[in-house]
């Protein structure tokens, strides 16, 4: 019985994954543009803050993904403004991913047969 439940869960997960990647592919351009903006922001931070390239990228992605470890922080006023902009871009990025996941979950649940339908087979 447990094996059957695991198979059903796997099937549900695969249905969700299929929907998620289908919807994500529809907004692929927007997602890529946001990643590009984060990368450009990291490059600008590298120049403004006079830091190593990868440190600038790290700061940009940690800020944009709303993680904010606090191990790096901008010192220059322009660097602070860029980090604020990256935070806004990051909120849009996270919001899009959560929105795509919710729509995919809704669609996969709507398409899945109910437990009663499965027991009739």
PDB file of N, CA and C in Angstrom:
ATOM      1  N   UNK A   1       0.820  -1.201   0.000  1.00  0.00           N
ATOM      2  CA  UNK A   1       0.000   0.000   0.000  1.00  0.00           C
ATOM      3  C   UNK A   1       0.864   1.265   0.000  1.00  0.00           C
ATOM      4  N   UNK A   2       1.951   1.242   0.811  1.00  0.00           N
ATOM      5  CA  UNK A   2       2.829   2.415   0.855  1.00  0.00           C
ATOM      6  C   UNK A   2       3.500   2.647  -0.494  1.00  0.00           C
ATOM      7  N   UNK A   3       3.839   1.565  -1.173  1.00  0.00           N
ATOM      8  CA  UNK A   3       4.477   1.691  -2.487  1.00  0.00           C
ATOM      9  C   UNK A   3       3.525   2.349  -3.480  1.00  0.00           C
ATOM     10  N   UNK A   4       2.254   2.000  -3.407  1.00  0.00           N
ATOM     11  CA  UNK A   4       1.259   2.595  -4.300  1.00  0.00           C
ATOM     12  C   UNK A   4       1.123   4.091  -4.015  1.00  0.00           C
ATOM     13  N   UNK A   5       1.114   4.459  -2.725  1.00  0.00           N
ATOM     14  CA  UNK A   5       1.021   5.868  -2.364  1.00  0.00           C
ATOM     15  C   UNK A   5       2.242   6.646  -2.853  1.00  0.00           C
ATOM     16  N   UNK A   6       3.415   6.037  -2.761  1.00  0.00           N
ATOM     17  CA  UNK A   6       4.625   6.695  -3.244  1.00  0.00           C
ATOM     18  C   UNK A   6       4.551   6.919  -4.751  1.00  0.00           C
ATOM     19  N   UNK A   7       4.049   5.941  -5.470  1.00  0.00           N
ATOM     20  CA  UNK A   7       3.919   6.060  -6.927  1.00  0.00           C
ATOM     21  C   UNK A   7       2.926   7.165  -7.271  1.00  0.00           C
ATOM     22  N   UNK A   8       1.813   7.233  -6.521  1.00  0.00           N
ATOM     23  CA  UNK A   8       0.828   8.292  -6.766  1.00  0.00           C
ATOM     24  C   UNK A   8       1.420   9.663  -6.484  1.00  0.00           C
ATOM     25  N   UNK A   9       2.206   9.783  -5.418  1.00  0.00           N
ATOM     26  CA  UNK A   9       2.840  11.063  -5.108  1.00  0.00           C
ATOM     27  C   UNK A   9       3.844  11.445  -6.187  1.00  0.00           C
ATOM     28  N   UNK A  10       4.590  10.471  -6.668  1.00  0.00           N
ATOM     29  CA  UNK A  10       5.551  10.730  -7.733  1.00  0.00           C
ATOM     30  C   UNK A  10       4.823  11.202  -8.985  1.00  0.00           C
ATOM     31  N   UNK A  11       3.718  10.569  -9.286  1.00  0.00           N
ATOM     32  CA  UNK A  11       2.934  10.967 -10.454  1.00  0.00           C
ATOM     33  C   UNK A  11       2.420  12.399 -10.298  1.00  0.00           C
ATOM     34  N   UNK A  12       1.967  12.747  -9.085  1.00  0.00           N
ATOM     35  CA  UNK A  12       1.492  14.103  -8.821  1.00  0.00           C
ATOM     36  C   UNK A  12       2.637  15.107  -8.936  1.00  0.00           C
ATOM     37  N   UNK A  13       3.800  14.746  -8.422  1.00  0.00           N
ATOM     38  CA  UNK A  13       4.961  15.629  -8.519  1.00  0.00           C
ATOM     39  C   UNK A  13       5.365  15.828  -9.972  1.00  0.00           C
ATOM     40  N   UNK A  14       5.355  14.769 -10.755  1.00  0.00           N
ATOM     41  CA  UNK A  14       5.714  14.889 -12.168  1.00  0.00           C
ATOM     42  C   UNK A  14       4.700  15.747 -12.924  1.00  0.00           C
ATOM     43  N   UNK A  15       3.439  15.627 -12.561  1.00  0.00           N
ATOM     44  CA  UNK A  15       2.408  16.462 -13.180  1.00  0.00           C
ATOM     45  C   UNK A  15       2.645  17.933 -12.840  1.00  0.00           C
ATOM     46  N   UNK A  16       2.954  18.205 -11.573  1.00  0.00           N
ATOM     47  CA  UNK A  16       3.263  19.569 -11.159  1.00  0.00           C
ATOM     48  C   UNK A  16       4.493  20.090 -11.893  1.00  0.00           C
ATOM     49  N   UNK A  17       5.549  19.284 -11.970  1.00  0.00           N
ATOM     50  CA  UNK A  17       6.788  19.699 -12.633  1.00  0.00           C
ATOM     51  C   UNK A  17       6.551  20.031 -14.092  1.00  0.00           C
ATOM     52  N   UNK A  18       5.766  19.210 -14.752  1.00  0.00           N
ATOM     53  CA  UNK A  18       5.457  19.441 -16.160  1.00  0.00           C
ATOM     54  C   UNK A  18       4.753  20.794 -16.329  1.00  0.00           C
ATOM     55  N   UNK A  19       3.761  21.047 -15.487  1.00  0.00           N
ATOM     56  CA  UNK A  19       3.038  22.320 -15.547  1.00  0.00           C
ATOM     57  C   UNK A  19       3.961  23.495 -15.223  1.00  0.00           C
ATOM     58  N   UNK A  20       4.802  23.332 -14.197  1.00  0.00           N
ATOM     59  CA  UNK A  20       5.699  24.399 -13.774  1.00  0.00           C
ATOM     60  C   UNK A  20       6.628  24.803 -14.911  1.00  0.00           C
ATOM     61  N   UNK A  21       7.269  23.831 -15.538  1.00  0.00           N
ATOM     62  CA  UNK A  21       8.220  24.152 -16.600  1.00  0.00           C
ATOM     63  C   UNK A  21       7.519  24.663 -17.859  1.00  0.00           C
ATOM     64  N   UNK A  22       6.285  24.210 -18.095  1.00  0.00           N
ATOM     65  CA  UNK A  22       5.534  24.732 -19.239  1.00  0.00           C
ATOM     66  C   UNK A  22       5.235  26.208 -19.034  1.00  0.00           C
ATOM     67  N   UNK A  23       4.728  26.561 -17.856  1.00  0.00           N
ATOM     68  CA  UNK A  23       4.393  27.960 -17.580  1.00  0.00           C
ATOM     69  C   UNK A  23       5.658  28.810 -17.549  1.00  0.00           C
ATOM     70  N   UNK A  24       6.716  28.303 -16.928  1.00  0.00           N
ATOM     71  CA  UNK A  24       7.980  29.041 -16.866  1.00  0.00           C
ATOM     72  C   UNK A  24       8.520  29.302 -18.271  1.00  0.00           C
ATOM     73  N   UNK A  25       8.311  28.357 -19.177  1.00  0.00           N
ATOM     74  CA  UNK A  25       8.799  28.559 -20.548  1.00  0.00           C
ATOM     75  C   UNK A  25       8.037  29.683 -21.245  1.00  0.00           C
ATOM     76  N   UNK A  26       6.796  29.934 -20.821  1.00  0.00           N
ATOM     77  CA  UNK A  26       5.998  31.005 -21.415  1.00  0.00           C
ATOM     78  C   UNK A  26       6.529  32.388 -21.027  1.00  0.00           C
ATOM     79  N   UNK A  27       7.166  32.485 -19.854  1.00  0.00           N
ATOM     80  CA  UNK A  27       7.706  33.776 -19.404  1.00  0.00           C
ATOM     81  C   UNK A  27       9.237  33.731 -19.336  1.00  0.00           C
ATOM     82  N   UNK A  28       9.816  32.844 -20.112  1.00  0.00           N
ATOM     83  CA  UNK A  28      11.263  32.670 -20.125  1.00  0.00           C
ATOM     84  C   UNK A  28      12.008  33.975 -20.381  1.00  0.00           C
ATOM     85  N   UNK A  29      11.517  34.784 -21.289  1.00  0.00           N
ATOM     86  CA  UNK A  29      12.169  36.053 -21.608  1.00  0.00           C
ATOM     87  C   UNK A  29      12.217  36.987 -20.412  1.00  0.00           C
ATOM     88  N   UNK A  30      11.137  37.047 -19.667  1.00  0.00           N
ATOM     89  CA  UNK A  30      11.092  37.906 -18.483  1.00  0.00           C
ATOM     90  C   UNK A  30      12.069  37.401 -17.433  1.00  0.00           C
ATOM     91  N   UNK A  31      12.078  36.091 -17.207  1.00  0.00           N
ATOM     92  CA  UNK A  31      12.984  35.515 -16.207  1.00  0.00           C
ATOM     93  C   UNK A  31      14.444  35.743 -16.598  1.00  0.00           C
ATOM     94  N   UNK A  32      14.756  35.562 -17.878  1.00  0.00           N
ATOM     95  CA  UNK A  32      16.131  35.787 -18.326  1.00  0.00           C
ATOM     96  C   UNK A  32      16.520  37.262 -18.223  1.00  0.00           C
ATOM     97  N   UNK A  33      15.578  38.153 -18.503  1.00  0.00           N
ATOM     98  CA  UNK A  33      15.859  39.586 -18.386  1.00  0.00           C
ATOM     99  C   UNK A  33      16.157  39.956 -16.934  1.00  0.00           C
ATOM    100  N   UNK A  34      15.426  39.363 -16.003  1.00  0.00           N
ATOM    101  CA  UNK A  34      15.673  39.642 -14.588  1.00  0.00           C
ATOM    102  C   UNK A  34      17.042  39.134 -14.152  1.00  0.00           C
ATOM    103  N   UNK A  35      17.413  37.943 -14.604  1.00  0.00           N
ATOM    104  CA  UNK A  35      18.746  37.414 -14.276  1.00  0.00           C
ATOM    105  C   UNK A  35      19.821  38.303 -14.894  1.00  0.00           C
ATOM    106  N   UNK A  36      19.587  38.755 -16.109  1.00  0.00           N
ATOM    107  CA  UNK A  36      20.535  39.656 -16.764  1.00  0.00           C
ATOM    108  C   UNK A  36      20.665  40.972 -15.991  1.00  0.00           C
ATOM    109  N   UNK A  37      19.553  41.512 -15.528  1.00  0.00           N
ATOM    110  CA  UNK A  37      19.597  42.736 -14.723  1.00  0.00           C
ATOM    111  C   UNK A  37      20.404  42.542 -13.442  1.00  0.00           C
ATOM    112  N   UNK A  38      20.230  41.391 -12.816  1.00  0.00           N
ATOM    113  CA  UNK A  38      20.988  41.101 -11.598  1.00  0.00           C
ATOM    114  C   UNK A  38      22.479  41.013 -11.921  1.00  0.00           C
ATOM    115  N   UNK A  39      22.817  40.347 -13.013  1.00  0.00           N
ATOM    116  CA  UNK A  39      24.217  40.231 -13.425  1.00  0.00           C
ATOM    117  C   UNK A  39      24.837  41.583 -13.748  1.00  0.00           C
ATOM    118  N   UNK A  40      24.093  42.424 -14.464  1.00  0.00           N
ATOM    119  CA  UNK A  40      24.586  43.766 -14.783  1.00  0.00           C
ATOM    120  C   UNK A  40      24.734  44.581 -13.502  1.00  0.00           C
ATOM    121  N   UNK A  41      23.768  44.442 -12.594  1.00  0.00           N
ATOM    122  CA  UNK A  41      23.863  45.130 -11.313  1.00  0.00           C
ATOM    123  C   UNK A  41      25.097  44.711 -10.542  1.00  0.00           C
ATOM    124  N   UNK A  42      25.425  43.430 -10.602  1.00  0.00           N
ATOM    125  CA  UNK A  42      26.641  42.936  -9.952  1.00  0.00           C
ATOM    126  C   UNK A  42      27.891  43.520 -10.568  1.00  0.00           C
ATOM    127  N   UNK A  43      27.897  43.635 -11.897  1.00  0.00           N
ATOM    128  CA  UNK A  43      29.046  44.228 -12.580  1.00  0.00           C
ATOM    129  C   UNK A  43      29.208  45.703 -12.195  1.00  0.00           C
ATOM    130  N   UNK A  44      28.079  46.425 -12.140  1.00  0.00           N
ATOM    131  CA  UNK A  44      28.134  47.832 -11.740  1.00  0.00           C
ATOM    132  C   UNK A  44      28.612  47.948 -10.287  1.00  0.00           C
ATOM    133  N   UNK A  45      28.130  47.066  -9.424  1.00  0.00           N
ATOM    134  CA  UNK A  45      28.590  47.079  -8.031  1.00  0.00           C
ATOM    135  C   UNK A  45      30.092  46.837  -7.948  1.00  0.00           C
ATOM    136  N   UNK A  46      30.601  45.970  -8.815  1.00  0.00           N
ATOM    137  CA  UNK A  46      32.041  45.716  -8.850  1.00  0.00           C
ATOM    138  C   UNK A  46      32.806  47.012  -9.107  1.00  0.00           C
ATOM    139  N   UNK A  47      32.307  47.801 -10.052  1.00  0.00           N
ATOM    140  CA  UNK A  47      32.974  49.065 -10.401  1.00  0.00           C
ATOM    141  C   UNK A  47      32.780  50.121  -9.315  1.00  0.00           C
ATOM    142  N   UNK A  48      31.562  50.285  -8.841  1.00  0.00           N
ATOM    143  CA  UNK A  48      31.256  51.338  -7.863  1.00  0.00           C
ATOM    144  C   UNK A  48      31.930  51.070  -6.525  1.00  0.00           C
ATOM    145  N   UNK A  49      31.880  49.829  -6.072  1.00  0.00           N
ATOM    146  CA  UNK A  49      32.420  49.478  -4.756  1.00  0.00           C
ATOM    147  C   UNK A  49      33.895  49.094  -4.813  1.00  0.00           C
ATOM    148  N   UNK A  50      34.495  49.084  -5.990  1.00  0.00           N
ATOM    149  CA  UNK A  50      35.904  48.711  -6.178  1.00  0.00           C
ATOM    150  C   UNK A  50      36.208  47.374  -5.505  1.00  0.00           C
ATOM    151  N   UNK A  51      35.447  46.359  -5.905  1.00  0.00           N
ATOM    152  CA  UNK A  51      35.604  45.021  -5.341  1.00  0.00           C
ATOM    153  C   UNK A  51      35.835  44.020  -6.462  1.00  0.00           C
ATOM    154  N   UNK A  52      36.140  42.807  -6.115  1.00  0.00           N
ATOM    155  CA  UNK A  52      36.353  41.754  -7.111  1.00  0.00           C
ATOM    156  C   UNK A  52      35.040  41.460  -7.846  1.00  0.00           C
ATOM    157  N   UNK A  53      35.171  41.001  -9.091  1.00  0.00           N
ATOM    158  CA  UNK A  53      33.997  40.727  -9.923  1.00  0.00           C
ATOM    159  C   UNK A  53      33.030  39.772  -9.231  1.00  0.00           C
ATOM    160  N   UNK A  54      33.541  38.659  -8.718  1.00  0.00           N
ATOM    161  CA  UNK A  54      32.653  37.653  -8.122  1.00  0.00           C
ATOM    162  C   UNK A  54      32.040  38.134  -6.816  1.00  0.00           C
ATOM    163  N   UNK A  55      32.730  39.032  -6.110  1.00  0.00           N
ATOM    164  CA  UNK A  55      32.135  39.612  -4.905  1.00  0.00           C
ATOM    165  C   UNK A  55      30.951  40.509  -5.279  1.00  0.00           C
ATOM    166  N   UNK A  56      31.088  41.244  -6.375  1.00  0.00           N
ATOM    167  CA  UNK A  56      29.976  42.070  -6.851  1.00  0.00           C
ATOM    168  C   UNK A  56      28.785  41.229  -7.281  1.00  0.00           C
ATOM    169  N   UNK A  57      29.067  40.137  -7.995  1.00  0.00           N
ATOM    170  CA  UNK A  57      27.990  39.236  -8.413  1.00  0.00           C
ATOM    171  C   UNK A  57      27.319  38.592  -7.200  1.00  0.00           C
ATOM    172  N   UNK A  58      28.147  38.178  -6.256  1.00  0.00           N
ATOM    173  CA  UNK A  58      27.629  37.559  -5.031  1.00  0.00           C
ATOM    174  C   UNK A  58      26.696  38.536  -4.310  1.00  0.00           C
ATOM    175  N   UNK A  59      27.140  39.770  -4.129  1.00  0.00           N
ATOM    176  CA  UNK A  59      26.324  40.776  -3.453  1.00  0.00           C
ATOM    177  C   UNK A  59      25.025  41.013  -4.213  1.00  0.00           C
ATOM    178  N   UNK A  60      25.104  41.086  -5.535  1.00  0.00           N
ATOM    179  CA  UNK A  60      23.908  41.332  -6.349  1.00  0.00           C
ATOM    180  C   UNK A  60      22.901  40.196  -6.197  1.00  0.00           C
ATOM    181  N   UNK A  61      23.349  38.960  -6.296  1.00  0.00           N
ATOM    182  CA  UNK A  61      22.416  37.834  -6.221  1.00  0.00           C
ATOM    183  C   UNK A  61      21.891  37.616  -4.806  1.00  0.00           C
ATOM    184  N   UNK A  62      22.727  37.805  -3.809  1.00  0.00           N
ATOM    185  CA  UNK A  62      22.268  37.657  -2.427  1.00  0.00           C
ATOM    186  C   UNK A  62      21.229  38.738  -2.110  1.00  0.00           C
ATOM    187  N   UNK A  63      21.432  39.930  -2.626  1.00  0.00           N
ATOM    188  CA  UNK A  63      20.472  41.014  -2.416  1.00  0.00           C
ATOM    189  C   UNK A  63      19.190  40.749  -3.196  1.00  0.00           C
ATOM    190  N   UNK A  64      19.325  40.408  -4.472  1.00  0.00           N
ATOM    191  CA  UNK A  64      18.154  40.217  -5.329  1.00  0.00           C
ATOM    192  C   UNK A  64      17.313  39.028  -4.907  1.00  0.00           C
ATOM    193  N   UNK A  65      17.949  37.991  -4.415  1.00  0.00           N
ATOM    194  CA  UNK A  65      17.191  36.814  -3.991  1.00  0.00           C
ATOM    195  C   UNK A  65      16.679  36.954  -2.565  1.00  0.00           C
ATOM    196  N   UNK A  66      16.794  38.155  -2.027  1.00  0.00           N
ATOM    197  CA  UNK A  66      16.306  38.531  -0.699  1.00  0.00           C
ATOM    198  C   UNK A  66      16.876  37.660   0.409  1.00  0.00           C
ATOM    199  N   UNK A  67      18.112  37.203   0.230  1.00  0.00           N
ATOM    200  CA  UNK A  67      18.772  36.399   1.258  1.00  0.00           C
ATOM    201  C   UNK A  67      19.428  37.324   2.274  1.00  0.00           C
ATOM    202  N   UNK A  68      20.291  38.207   1.804  1.00  0.00           N
ATOM    203  CA  UNK A  68      20.899  39.215   2.654  1.00  0.00           C
ATOM    204  C   UNK A  68      21.690  38.665   3.825  1.00  0.00           C
ATOM    205  N   UNK A  69      22.757  37.954   3.557  1.00  0.00           N
ATOM    206  CA  UNK A  69      23.575  37.394   4.633  1.00  0.00           C
ATOM    207  C   UNK A  69      24.201  38.473   5.507  1.00  0.00           C
ATOM    208  N   UNK A  70      24.559  39.605   4.933  1.00  0.00           N
ATOM    209  CA  UNK A  70      25.167  40.679   5.691  1.00  0.00           C
ATOM    210  C   UNK A  70      26.677  40.637   5.734  1.00  0.00           C
ATOM    211  N   UNK A  71      27.294  39.664   5.062  1.00  0.00           N
ATOM    212  CA  UNK A  71      28.759  39.604   5.058  1.00  0.00           C
ATOM    213  C   UNK A  71      29.374  40.654   4.141  1.00  0.00           C
ATOM    214  N   UNK A  72      28.642  41.080   3.129  1.00  0.00           N
ATOM    215  CA  UNK A  72      29.049  42.199   2.282  1.00  0.00           C
ATOM    216  C   UNK A  72      27.953  43.251   2.342  1.00  0.00           C
ATOM    217  N   UNK A  73      28.350  44.491   2.330  1.00  0.00           N
ATOM    218  CA  UNK A  73      27.376  45.588   2.290  1.00  0.00           C
ATOM    219  C   UNK A  73      27.980  46.726   1.482  1.00  0.00           C
ATOM    220  N   UNK A  74      27.167  47.402   0.686  1.00  0.00           N
ATOM    221  CA  UNK A  74      27.693  48.525  -0.084  1.00  0.00           C
ATOM    222  C   UNK A  74      28.074  49.678   0.839  1.00  0.00           C
ATOM    223  N   UNK A  75      29.133  50.382   0.464  1.00  0.00           N
ATOM    224  CA  UNK A  75      29.614  51.519   1.251  1.00  0.00           C
ATOM    225  C   UNK A  75      29.282  52.825   0.545  1.00  0.00           C
ATOM    226  N   UNK A  76      29.441  52.824  -0.758  1.00  0.00           N
ATOM    227  CA  UNK A  76      29.200  54.027  -1.556  1.00  0.00           C
ATOM    228  C   UNK A  76      27.698  54.283  -1.699  1.00  0.00           C
ATOM    229  N   UNK A  77      27.277  55.566  -1.732  1.00  0.00           N
ATOM    230  CA  UNK A  77      25.852  55.879  -1.906  1.00  0.00           C
ATOM    231  C   UNK A  77      25.253  55.276  -3.181  1.00  0.00           C
ATOM    232  N   UNK A  78      26.003  55.326  -4.293  1.00  0.00           N
ATOM    233  CA  UNK A  78      25.501  54.731  -5.530  1.00  0.00           C
ATOM    234  C   UNK A  78      25.352  53.216  -5.390  1.00  0.00           C
ATOM    235  N   UNK A  79      26.281  52.585  -4.684  1.00  0.00           N
ATOM    236  CA  UNK A  79      26.182  51.146  -4.433  1.00  0.00           C
ATOM    237  C   UNK A  79      24.940  50.796  -3.627  1.00  0.00           C
ATOM    238  N   UNK A  80      24.599  51.644  -2.679  1.00  0.00           N
ATOM    239  CA  UNK A  80      23.393  51.423  -1.871  1.00  0.00           C
ATOM    240  C   UNK A  80      22.133  51.553  -2.725  1.00  0.00           C
ATOM    241  N   UNK A  81      22.134  52.531  -3.614  1.00  0.00           N
ATOM    242  CA  UNK A  81      20.981  52.718  -4.507  1.00  0.00           C
ATOM    243  C   UNK A  81      20.831  51.516  -5.431  1.00  0.00           C
ATOM    244  N   UNK A  82      21.951  51.025  -5.950  1.00  0.00           N
ATOM    245  CA  UNK A  82      21.913  49.847  -6.835  1.00  0.00           C
ATOM    246  C   UNK A  82      21.380  48.634  -6.073  1.00  0.00           C
ATOM    247  N   UNK A  83      21.792  48.475  -4.820  1.00  0.00           N
ATOM    248  CA  UNK A  83      21.301  47.345  -4.023  1.00  0.00           C
ATOM    249  C   UNK A  83      19.804  47.451  -3.761  1.00  0.00           C
ATOM    250  N   UNK A  84      19.309  48.661  -3.570  1.00  0.00           N
ATOM    251  CA  UNK A  84      17.854  48.844  -3.407  1.00  0.00           C
ATOM    252  C   UNK A  84      17.138  48.421  -4.689  1.00  0.00           C
ATOM    253  N   UNK A  85      17.666  48.866  -5.840  1.00  0.00           N
ATOM    254  CA  UNK A  85      17.063  48.484  -7.123  1.00  0.00           C
ATOM    255  C   UNK A  85      17.121  46.973  -7.319  1.00  0.00           C
ATOM    256  N   UNK A  86      18.236  46.362  -6.935  1.00  0.00           N
ATOM    257  CA  UNK A  86      18.352  44.902  -7.057  1.00  0.00           C
ATOM    258  C   UNK A  86      17.359  44.198  -6.144  1.00  0.00           C
ATOM    259  N   UNK A  87      17.097  44.769  -4.984  1.00  0.00           N
ATOM    260  CA  UNK A  87      16.102  44.196  -4.085  1.00  0.00           C
ATOM    261  C   UNK A  87      14.708  44.209  -4.704  1.00  0.00           C
ATOM    262  N   UNK A  88      14.380  45.305  -5.398  1.00  0.00           N
ATOM    263  CA  UNK A  88      13.082  45.393  -6.078  1.00  0.00           C
ATOM    264  C   UNK A  88      13.013  44.370  -7.210  1.00  0.00           C
ATOM    265  N   UNK A  89      14.082  44.283  -7.998  1.00  0.00           N
ATOM    266  CA  UNK A  89      14.134  43.279  -9.074  1.00  0.00           C
ATOM    267  C   UNK A  89      13.993  41.879  -8.483  1.00  0.00           C
ATOM    268  N   UNK A  90      14.649  41.650  -7.351  1.00  0.00           N
ATOM    269  CA  UNK A  90      14.569  40.349  -6.688  1.00  0.00           C
ATOM    270  C   UNK A  90      13.167  40.015  -6.220  1.00  0.00           C
ATOM    271  N   UNK A  91      12.453  41.011  -5.711  1.00  0.00           N
ATOM    272  CA  UNK A  91      11.069  40.756  -5.284  1.00  0.00           C
ATOM    273  C   UNK A  91      10.195  40.371  -6.477  1.00  0.00           C
ATOM    274  N   UNK A  92      10.430  41.021  -7.610  1.00  0.00           N
ATOM    275  CA  UNK A  92       9.686  40.664  -8.826  1.00  0.00           C
ATOM    276  C   UNK A  92      10.032  39.233  -9.232  1.00  0.00           C
ATOM    277  N   UNK A  93      11.313  38.889  -9.205  1.00  0.00           N
ATOM    278  CA  UNK A  93      11.789  37.548  -9.562  1.00  0.00           C
ATOM    279  C   UNK A  93      11.134  36.489  -8.681  1.00  0.00           C
ATOM    280  N   UNK A  94      11.208  36.685  -7.367  1.00  0.00           N
ATOM    281  CA  UNK A  94      10.638  35.712  -6.425  1.00  0.00           C
ATOM    282  C   UNK A  94       9.129  35.643  -6.598  1.00  0.00           C
ATOM    283  N   UNK A  95       8.486  36.790  -6.796  1.00  0.00           N
ATOM    284  CA  UNK A  95       7.042  36.800  -7.009  1.00  0.00           C
ATOM    285  C   UNK A  95       6.621  36.034  -8.251  1.00  0.00           C
ATOM    286  N   UNK A  96       7.384  36.189  -9.325  1.00  0.00           N
ATOM    287  CA  UNK A  96       7.080  35.444 -10.556  1.00  0.00           C
ATOM    288  C   UNK A  96       7.222  33.939 -10.344  1.00  0.00           C
ATOM    289  N   UNK A  97       8.292  33.539  -9.674  1.00  0.00           N
ATOM    290  CA  UNK A  97       8.504  32.106  -9.448  1.00  0.00           C
ATOM    291  C   UNK A  97       7.388  31.527  -8.580  1.00  0.00           C
ATOM    292  N   UNK A  98       7.020  32.242  -7.530  1.00  0.00           N
ATOM    293  CA  UNK A  98       5.929  31.772  -6.660  1.00  0.00           C
ATOM    294  C   UNK A  98       4.618  31.744  -7.433  1.00  0.00           C
ATOM    295  N   UNK A  99       4.372  32.763  -8.255  1.00  0.00           N
ATOM    296  CA  UNK A  99       3.158  32.785  -9.071  1.00  0.00           C
ATOM    297  C   UNK A  99       3.104  31.626 -10.053  1.00  0.00           C
ATOM    298  N   UNK A 100       4.211  31.353 -10.698  1.00  0.00           N
ATOM    299  CA  UNK A 100       4.270  30.221 -11.633  1.00  0.00           C
ATOM    300  C   UNK A 100       4.017  28.918 -10.886  1.00  0.00           C
ATOM    301  N   UNK A 101       4.629  28.765  -9.715  1.00  0.00           N
ATOM    302  CA  UNK A 101       4.436  27.539  -8.935  1.00  0.00           C
ATOM    303  C   UNK A 101       2.982  27.394  -8.511  1.00  0.00           C
ATOM    304  N   UNK A 102       2.318  28.507  -8.126  1.00  0.00           N
ATOM    305  CA  UNK A 102       0.916  28.388  -7.703  1.00  0.00           C
ATOM    306  C   UNK A 102       0.001  28.004  -8.850  1.00  0.00           C
ATOM    307  N   UNK A 103       0.224  28.616 -10.008  1.00  0.00           N
ATOM    308  CA  UNK A 103      -0.602  28.266 -11.164  1.00  0.00           C
ATOM    309  C   UNK A 103      -0.350  26.814 -11.572  1.00  0.00           C
ATOM    310  N   UNK A 104       0.895  26.400 -11.548  1.00  0.00           N
ATOM    311  CA  UNK A 104       1.218  25.011 -11.909  1.00  0.00           C
ATOM    312  C   UNK A 104       0.570  24.037 -10.930  1.00  0.00           C
ATOM    313  N   UNK A 105       0.610  24.353  -9.648  1.00  0.00           N
ATOM    314  CA  UNK A 105      -0.015  23.485  -8.654  1.00  0.00           C
ATOM    315  C   UNK A 105      -1.515  23.420  -8.867  1.00  0.00           C
ATOM    316  N   UNK A 106      -2.127  24.556  -9.123  1.00  0.00           N
ATOM    317  CA  UNK A 106      -3.577  24.586  -9.366  1.00  0.00           C
ATOM    318  C   UNK A 106      -3.938  23.732 -10.579  1.00  0.00           C
ATOM    319  N   UNK A 107      -3.201  23.897 -11.669  1.00  0.00           N
ATOM    320  CA  UNK A 107      -3.486  23.125 -12.879  1.00  0.00           C
ATOM    321  C   UNK A 107      -3.265  21.631 -12.677  1.00  0.00           C
ATOM    322  N   UNK A 108      -2.188  21.289 -11.976  1.00  0.00           N
ATOM    323  CA  UNK A 108      -1.912  19.862 -11.788  1.00  0.00           C
ATOM    324  C   UNK A 108      -2.958  19.221 -10.876  1.00  0.00           C
ATOM    325  N   UNK A 109      -3.468  19.967  -9.905  1.00  0.00           N
ATOM    326  CA  UNK A 109      -4.517  19.436  -9.026  1.00  0.00           C
ATOM    327  C   UNK A 109      -5.817  19.302  -9.807  1.00  0.00           C
ATOM    328  N   UNK A 110      -6.125  20.261 -10.658  1.00  0.00           N
ATOM    329  CA  UNK A 110      -7.355  20.190 -11.444  1.00  0.00           C
ATOM    330  C   UNK A 110      -7.335  19.027 -12.432  1.00  0.00           C
ATOM    331  N   UNK A 111      -6.168  18.694 -12.940  1.00  0.00           N
ATOM    332  CA  UNK A 111      -6.070  17.609 -13.928  1.00  0.00           C
ATOM    333  C   UNK A 111      -5.967  16.233 -13.289  1.00  0.00           C
ATOM    334  N   UNK A 112      -5.567  16.185 -12.015  1.00  0.00           N
ATOM    335  CA  UNK A 112      -5.384  14.901 -11.342  1.00  0.00           C
ATOM    336  C   UNK A 112      -6.743  14.271 -11.046  1.00  0.00           C
ATOM    337  N   UNK A 113      -6.835  12.961 -11.240  1.00  0.00           N
ATOM    338  CA  UNK A 113      -8.086  12.295 -10.870  1.00  0.00           C
ATOM    339  C   UNK A 113      -8.226  12.299  -9.341  1.00  0.00           C
ATOM    340  N   UNK A 114      -9.458  12.351  -8.895  1.00  0.00           N
ATOM    341  CA  UNK A 114      -9.666  12.323  -7.449  1.00  0.00           C
ATOM    342  C   UNK A 114      -9.407  10.931  -6.913  1.00  0.00           C
ATOM    343  N   UNK A 115      -9.216  10.820  -5.621  1.00  0.00           N
ATOM    344  CA  UNK A 115      -8.949   9.510  -5.004  1.00  0.00           C
ATOM    345  C   UNK A 115     -10.131   8.563  -5.219  1.00  0.00           C
ATOM    346  N   UNK A 116     -11.351   9.117  -5.224  1.00  0.00           N
ATOM    347  CA  UNK A 116     -12.524   8.285  -5.440  1.00  0.00           C
ATOM    348  C   UNK A 116     -12.494   7.698  -6.850  1.00  0.00           C
ATOM    349  N   UNK A 117     -12.110   8.535  -7.848  1.00  0.00           N
ATOM    350  CA  UNK A 117     -12.018   8.057  -9.226  1.00  0.00           C
ATOM    351  C   UNK A 117     -10.994   6.946  -9.362  1.00  0.00           C
ATOM    352  N   UNK A 118      -9.892   7.033  -8.630  1.00  0.00           N
ATOM    353  CA  UNK A 118      -8.831   6.026  -8.712  1.00  0.00           C
ATOM    354  C   UNK A 118      -9.284   4.699  -8.109  1.00  0.00           C
ATOM    355  N   UNK A 119     -10.118   4.765  -7.050  1.00  0.00           N
ATOM    356  CA  UNK A 119     -10.559   3.533  -6.400  1.00  0.00           C
ATOM    357  C   UNK A 119     -11.611   2.810  -7.236  1.00  0.00           C
ATOM    358  N   UNK A 120     -12.243   3.524  -8.181  1.00  0.00           N
ATOM    359  CA  UNK A 120     -13.253   2.898  -9.046  1.00  0.00           C
ATOM    360  C   UNK A 120     -12.612   1.995 -10.085  1.00  0.00           C
ATOM    361  N   UNK A 121     -11.338   2.204 -10.389  1.00  0.00           N
ATOM    362  CA  UNK A 121     -10.660   1.408 -11.442  1.00  0.00           C
ATOM    363  C   UNK A 121     -10.513  -0.022 -11.070  1.00  0.00           C
TER     364      UNK A 121
END
